Amino acid sequence: MAKRTTHRSSKGTKLYAVRDKEGKFKDIQTYKRAHGMDIKRKSKTEGAAKKTTAKKKK
């Protein structure tokens, strides 16, 4: 995962910014949107753990 740094917009909204290798902004998202997508997306370890607990219950 790319390293994200936090910033504030002129209106005070928290932002996440991703920079490329040259230091230029690659992507800027609001914290609310980025955090929501992080919550919806499962990591590989979470998915694997869920499968093993489902097998144990059977």
PDB file of N, CA and C in Angstrom:
ATOM      1  N   MET A   1       0.845  -1.182   0.000  1.00  0.00           N
ATOM      2  CA  MET A   1       0.000   0.000   0.000  1.00  0.00           C
ATOM      3  C   MET A   1       0.888   1.242   0.000  1.00  0.00           C
ATOM      4  N   ALA A   2       0.474   2.216  -0.741  1.00  0.00           N
ATOM      5  CA  ALA A   2       1.217   3.468  -0.813  1.00  0.00           C
ATOM      6  C   ALA A   2       1.100   4.220   0.512  1.00  0.00           C
ATOM      7  N   LYS A   3       2.152   4.909   0.876  1.00  0.00           N
ATOM      8  CA  LYS A   3       2.143   5.691   2.101  1.00  0.00           C
ATOM      9  C   LYS A   3       1.321   6.954   1.877  1.00  0.00           C
ATOM     10  N   ARG A   4       0.385   7.192   2.777  1.00  0.00           N
ATOM     11  CA  ARG A   4      -0.471   8.372   2.653  1.00  0.00           C
ATOM     12  C   ARG A   4      -0.139   9.364   3.761  1.00  0.00           C
ATOM     13  N   THR A   5      -0.077  10.620   3.407  1.00  0.00           N
ATOM     14  CA  THR A   5       0.134  11.665   4.402  1.00  0.00           C
ATOM     15  C   THR A   5      -1.154  12.454   4.542  1.00  0.00           C
ATOM     16  N   THR A   6      -1.391  12.971   5.722  1.00  0.00           N
ATOM     17  CA  THR A   6      -2.624  13.720   5.955  1.00  0.00           C
ATOM     18  C   THR A   6      -2.364  15.212   5.819  1.00  0.00           C
ATOM     19  N   HIS A   7      -3.350  15.896   5.299  1.00  0.00           N
ATOM     20  CA  HIS A   7      -3.318  17.345   5.130  1.00  0.00           C
ATOM     21  C   HIS A   7      -4.698  17.877   5.485  1.00  0.00           C
ATOM     22  N   ARG A   8      -4.842  19.170   5.495  1.00  0.00           N
ATOM     23  CA  ARG A   8      -6.145  19.803   5.699  1.00  0.00           C
ATOM     24  C   ARG A   8      -6.439  20.705   4.516  1.00  0.00           C
ATOM     25  N   SER A   9      -7.698  20.691   4.082  1.00  0.00           N
ATOM     26  CA  SER A   9      -8.100  21.583   2.991  1.00  0.00           C
ATOM     27  C   SER A   9      -8.318  22.983   3.557  1.00  0.00           C
ATOM     28  N   SER A  10      -8.580  23.923   2.684  1.00  0.00           N
ATOM     29  CA  SER A  10      -8.813  25.298   3.130  1.00  0.00           C
ATOM     30  C   SER A  10     -10.076  25.400   3.985  1.00  0.00           C
ATOM     31  N   LYS A  11     -11.011  24.453   3.790  1.00  0.00           N
ATOM     32  CA  LYS A  11     -12.241  24.447   4.579  1.00  0.00           C
ATOM     33  C   LYS A  11     -12.092  23.646   5.873  1.00  0.00           C
ATOM     34  N   GLY A  12     -10.928  23.008   6.057  1.00  0.00           N
ATOM     35  CA  GLY A  12     -10.686  22.264   7.286  1.00  0.00           C
ATOM     36  C   GLY A  12     -10.947  20.776   7.182  1.00  0.00           C
ATOM     37  N   THR A  13     -11.304  20.296   5.983  1.00  0.00           N
ATOM     38  CA  THR A  13     -11.562  18.872   5.781  1.00  0.00           C
ATOM     39  C   THR A  13     -10.242  18.117   5.770  1.00  0.00           C
ATOM     40  N   LYS A  14     -10.197  16.976   6.458  1.00  0.00           N
ATOM     41  CA  LYS A  14      -8.992  16.173   6.494  1.00  0.00           C
ATOM     42  C   LYS A  14      -8.806  15.461   5.157  1.00  0.00           C
ATOM     43  N   LEU A  15      -7.574  15.476   4.631  1.00  0.00           N
ATOM     44  CA  LEU A  15      -7.270  14.883   3.330  1.00  0.00           C
ATOM     45  C   LEU A  15      -6.140  13.874   3.440  1.00  0.00           C
ATOM     46  N   TYR A  16      -6.163  12.882   2.566  1.00  0.00           N
ATOM     47  CA  TYR A  16      -5.057  11.949   2.387  1.00  0.00           C
ATOM     48  C   TYR A  16      -4.407  12.280   1.059  1.00  0.00           C
ATOM     49  N   ALA A  17      -3.078  12.344   1.026  1.00  0.00           N
ATOM     50  CA  ALA A  17      -2.358  12.614  -0.211  1.00  0.00           C
ATOM     51  C   ALA A  17      -1.323  11.525  -0.438  1.00  0.00           C
ATOM     52  N   VAL A  18      -1.244  11.033  -1.669  1.00  0.00           N
ATOM     53  CA  VAL A  18      -0.252  10.043  -2.066  1.00  0.00           C
ATOM     54  C   VAL A  18       0.670  10.716  -3.069  1.00  0.00           C
ATOM     55  N   ARG A  19       1.967  10.563  -2.861  1.00  0.00           N
ATOM     56  CA  ARG A  19       2.947  11.172  -3.765  1.00  0.00           C
ATOM     57  C   ARG A  19       3.652  10.100  -4.581  1.00  0.00           C
ATOM     58  N   ASP A  20       4.106  10.479  -5.784  1.00  0.00           N
ATOM     59  CA  ASP A  20       4.872   9.543  -6.601  1.00  0.00           C
ATOM     60  C   ASP A  20       6.352   9.625  -6.195  1.00  0.00           C
ATOM     61  N   LYS A  21       7.200   8.919  -6.908  1.00  0.00           N
ATOM     62  CA  LYS A  21       8.627   8.866  -6.569  1.00  0.00           C
ATOM     63  C   LYS A  21       9.302  10.228  -6.651  1.00  0.00           C
ATOM     64  N   GLU A  22       8.794  11.084  -7.526  1.00  0.00           N
ATOM     65  CA  GLU A  22       9.379  12.414  -7.704  1.00  0.00           C
ATOM     66  C   GLU A  22       8.887  13.411  -6.658  1.00  0.00           C
ATOM     67  N   GLY A  23       7.914  13.017  -5.844  1.00  0.00           N
ATOM     68  CA  GLY A  23       7.401  13.895  -4.800  1.00  0.00           C
ATOM     69  C   GLY A  23       6.174  14.683  -5.201  1.00  0.00           C
ATOM     70  N   LYS A  24       5.690  14.485  -6.440  1.00  0.00           N
ATOM     71  CA  LYS A  24       4.489  15.184  -6.899  1.00  0.00           C
ATOM     72  C   LYS A  24       3.254  14.436  -6.420  1.00  0.00           C
ATOM     73  N   PHE A  25       2.174  15.163  -6.230  1.00  0.00           N
ATOM     74  CA  PHE A  25       0.937  14.535  -5.788  1.00  0.00           C
ATOM     75  C   PHE A  25       0.406  13.595  -6.860  1.00  0.00           C
ATOM     76  N   LYS A  26       0.171  12.360  -6.482  1.00  0.00           N
ATOM     77  CA  LYS A  26      -0.357  11.354  -7.391  1.00  0.00           C
ATOM     78  C   LYS A  26      -1.872  11.261  -7.219  1.00  0.00           C
ATOM     79  N   ASP A  27      -2.324  11.324  -5.962  1.00  0.00           N
ATOM     80  CA  ASP A  27      -3.741  11.176  -5.664  1.00  0.00           C
ATOM     81  C   ASP A  27      -4.052  11.919  -4.375  1.00  0.00           C
ATOM     82  N   ILE A  28      -5.165  12.631  -4.359  1.00  0.00           N
ATOM     83  CA  ILE A  28      -5.639  13.294  -3.139  1.00  0.00           C
ATOM     84  C   ILE A  28      -7.092  12.910  -2.944  1.00  0.00           C
ATOM     85  N   GLN A  29      -7.409  12.401  -1.751  1.00  0.00           N
ATOM     86  CA  GLN A  29      -8.778  12.015  -1.411  1.00  0.00           C
ATOM     87  C   GLN A  29      -9.140  12.600  -0.068  1.00  0.00           C
ATOM     88  N   THR A  30     -10.434  12.759   0.159  1.00  0.00           N
ATOM     89  CA  THR A  30     -10.867  13.151   1.489  1.00  0.00           C
ATOM     90  C   THR A  30     -10.680  11.963   2.416  1.00  0.00           C
ATOM     91  N   TYR A  31     -10.400  12.234   3.665  1.00  0.00           N
ATOM     92  CA  TYR A  31     -10.208  11.178   4.657  1.00  0.00           C
ATOM     93  C   TYR A  31     -11.462  10.325   4.764  1.00  0.00           C
ATOM     94  N   LYS A  32     -12.618  10.956   4.715  1.00  0.00           N
ATOM     95  CA  LYS A  32     -13.897  10.248   4.853  1.00  0.00           C
ATOM     96  C   LYS A  32     -14.063   9.189   3.756  1.00  0.00           C
ATOM     97  N   ARG A  33     -13.777   9.557   2.505  1.00  0.00           N
ATOM     98  CA  ARG A  33     -13.901   8.614   1.384  1.00  0.00           C
ATOM     99  C   ARG A  33     -12.865   7.500   1.468  1.00  0.00           C
ATOM    100  N   ALA A  34     -11.618   7.867   1.736  1.00  0.00           N
ATOM    101  CA  ALA A  34     -10.533   6.888   1.785  1.00  0.00           C
ATOM    102  C   ALA A  34     -10.745   5.909   2.943  1.00  0.00           C
ATOM    103  N   HIS A  35     -11.138   6.412   4.081  1.00  0.00           N
ATOM    104  CA  HIS A  35     -11.360   5.563   5.252  1.00  0.00           C
ATOM    105  C   HIS A  35     -12.528   4.617   5.011  1.00  0.00           C
ATOM    106  N   GLY A  36     -13.581   5.099   4.360  1.00  0.00           N
ATOM    107  CA  GLY A  36     -14.737   4.261   4.050  1.00  0.00           C
ATOM    108  C   GLY A  36     -14.369   3.100   3.150  1.00  0.00           C
ATOM    109  N   MET A  37     -13.523   3.352   2.163  1.00  0.00           N
ATOM    110  CA  MET A  37     -13.078   2.284   1.267  1.00  0.00           C
ATOM    111  C   MET A  37     -12.165   1.304   1.993  1.00  0.00           C
ATOM    112  N   ASP A  38     -11.351   1.803   2.912  1.00  0.00           N
ATOM    113  CA  ASP A  38     -10.482   0.920   3.693  1.00  0.00           C
ATOM    114  C   ASP A  38     -11.311  -0.039   4.551  1.00  0.00           C
ATOM    115  N   ILE A  39     -12.399   0.463   5.095  1.00  0.00           N
ATOM    116  CA  ILE A  39     -13.267  -0.367   5.935  1.00  0.00           C
ATOM    117  C   ILE A  39     -13.974  -1.427   5.090  1.00  0.00           C
ATOM    118  N   LYS A  40     -14.433  -1.058   3.906  1.00  0.00           N
ATOM    119  CA  LYS A  40     -15.159  -1.990   3.037  1.00  0.00           C
ATOM    120  C   LYS A  40     -14.254  -3.093   2.497  1.00  0.00           C
ATOM    121  N   ARG A  41     -12.993  -2.766   2.230  1.00  0.00           N
ATOM    122  CA  ARG A  41     -12.051  -3.713   1.636  1.00  0.00           C
ATOM    123  C   ARG A  41     -11.456  -4.601   2.724  1.00  0.00           C
ATOM    124  N   LYS A  42     -11.404  -5.897   2.472  1.00  0.00           N
ATOM    125  CA  LYS A  42     -10.809  -6.850   3.414  1.00  0.00           C
ATOM    126  C   LYS A  42      -9.364  -7.122   3.024  1.00  0.00           C
ATOM    127  N   SER A  43      -8.501  -7.290   4.013  1.00  0.00           N
ATOM    128  CA  SER A  43      -7.119  -7.643   3.725  1.00  0.00           C
ATOM    129  C   SER A  43      -7.019  -9.138   3.470  1.00  0.00           C
ATOM    130  N   LYS A  44      -5.903  -9.578   2.917  1.00  0.00           N
ATOM    131  CA  LYS A  44      -5.709 -10.996   2.617  1.00  0.00           C
ATOM    132  C   LYS A  44      -5.756 -11.827   3.893  1.00  0.00           C
ATOM    133  N   THR A  45      -5.161 -11.331   4.966  1.00  0.00           N
ATOM    134  CA  THR A  45      -5.135 -12.087   6.221  1.00  0.00           C
ATOM    135  C   THR A  45      -6.518 -12.185   6.849  1.00  0.00           C
ATOM    136  N   GLU A  46      -7.321 -11.129   6.725  1.00  0.00           N
ATOM    137  CA  GLU A  46      -8.694 -11.178   7.250  1.00  0.00           C
ATOM    138  C   GLU A  46      -9.521 -12.207   6.484  1.00  0.00           C
ATOM    139  N   GLY A  47      -9.361 -12.248   5.176  1.00  0.00           N
ATOM    140  CA  GLY A  47     -10.102 -13.196   4.352  1.00  0.00           C
ATOM    141  C   GLY A  47      -9.711 -14.625   4.674  1.00  0.00           C
ATOM    142  N   ALA A  48      -8.411 -14.868   4.862  1.00  0.00           N
ATOM    143  CA  ALA A  48      -7.923 -16.210   5.176  1.00  0.00           C
ATOM    144  C   ALA A  48      -8.392 -16.645   6.563  1.00  0.00           C
ATOM    145  N   ALA A  49      -8.386 -15.732   7.523  1.00  0.00           N
ATOM    146  CA  ALA A  49      -8.822 -16.052   8.879  1.00  0.00           C
ATOM    147  C   ALA A  49     -10.310 -16.388   8.906  1.00  0.00           C
ATOM    148  N   LYS A  50     -11.094 -15.676   8.109  1.00  0.00           N
ATOM    149  CA  LYS A  50     -12.532 -15.926   8.059  1.00  0.00           C
ATOM    150  C   LYS A  50     -12.825 -17.316   7.484  1.00  0.00           C
ATOM    151  N   LYS A  51     -12.049 -17.710   6.459  1.00  0.00           N
ATOM    152  CA  LYS A  51     -12.237 -19.027   5.840  1.00  0.00           C
ATOM    153  C   LYS A  51     -11.898 -20.143   6.824  1.00  0.00           C
ATOM    154  N   THR A  52     -10.817 -19.981   7.601  1.00  0.00           N
ATOM    155  CA  THR A  52     -10.413 -21.036   8.533  1.00  0.00           C
ATOM    156  C   THR A  52     -11.402 -21.173   9.675  1.00  0.00           C
ATOM    157  N   THR A  53     -11.989 -20.081  10.146  1.00  0.00           N
ATOM    158  CA  THR A  53     -12.977 -20.169  11.220  1.00  0.00           C
ATOM    159  C   THR A  53     -14.272 -20.786  10.693  1.00  0.00           C
ATOM    160  N   ALA A  54     -14.609 -20.531   9.444  1.00  0.00           N
ATOM    161  CA  ALA A  54     -15.806 -21.128   8.852  1.00  0.00           C
ATOM    162  C   ALA A  54     -15.626 -22.642   8.726  1.00  0.00           C
ATOM    163  N   LYS A  55     -14.428 -23.092   8.375  1.00  0.00           N
ATOM    164  CA  LYS A  55     -14.173 -24.531   8.253  1.00  0.00           C
ATOM    165  C   LYS A  55     -14.219 -25.208   9.617  1.00  0.00           C
ATOM    166  N   LYS A  56     -13.724 -24.530  10.655  1.00  0.00           N
ATOM    167  CA  LYS A  56     -13.725 -25.106  12.005  1.00  0.00           C
ATOM    168  C   LYS A  56     -15.143 -25.283  12.535  1.00  0.00           C
ATOM    169  N   LYS A  57     -16.049 -24.368  12.173  1.00  0.00           N
ATOM    170  CA  LYS A  57     -17.424 -24.441  12.644  1.00  0.00           C
ATOM    171  C   LYS A  57     -18.168 -25.637  12.062  1.00  0.00           C
ATOM    172  N   LYS A  58     -17.790 -26.060  10.841  1.00  0.00           N
ATOM    173  CA  LYS A  58     -18.447 -27.194  10.184  1.00  0.00           C
ATOM    174  C   LYS A  58     -18.003 -28.437  10.847  1.00  0.00           C
TER     175      LYS A  58
END
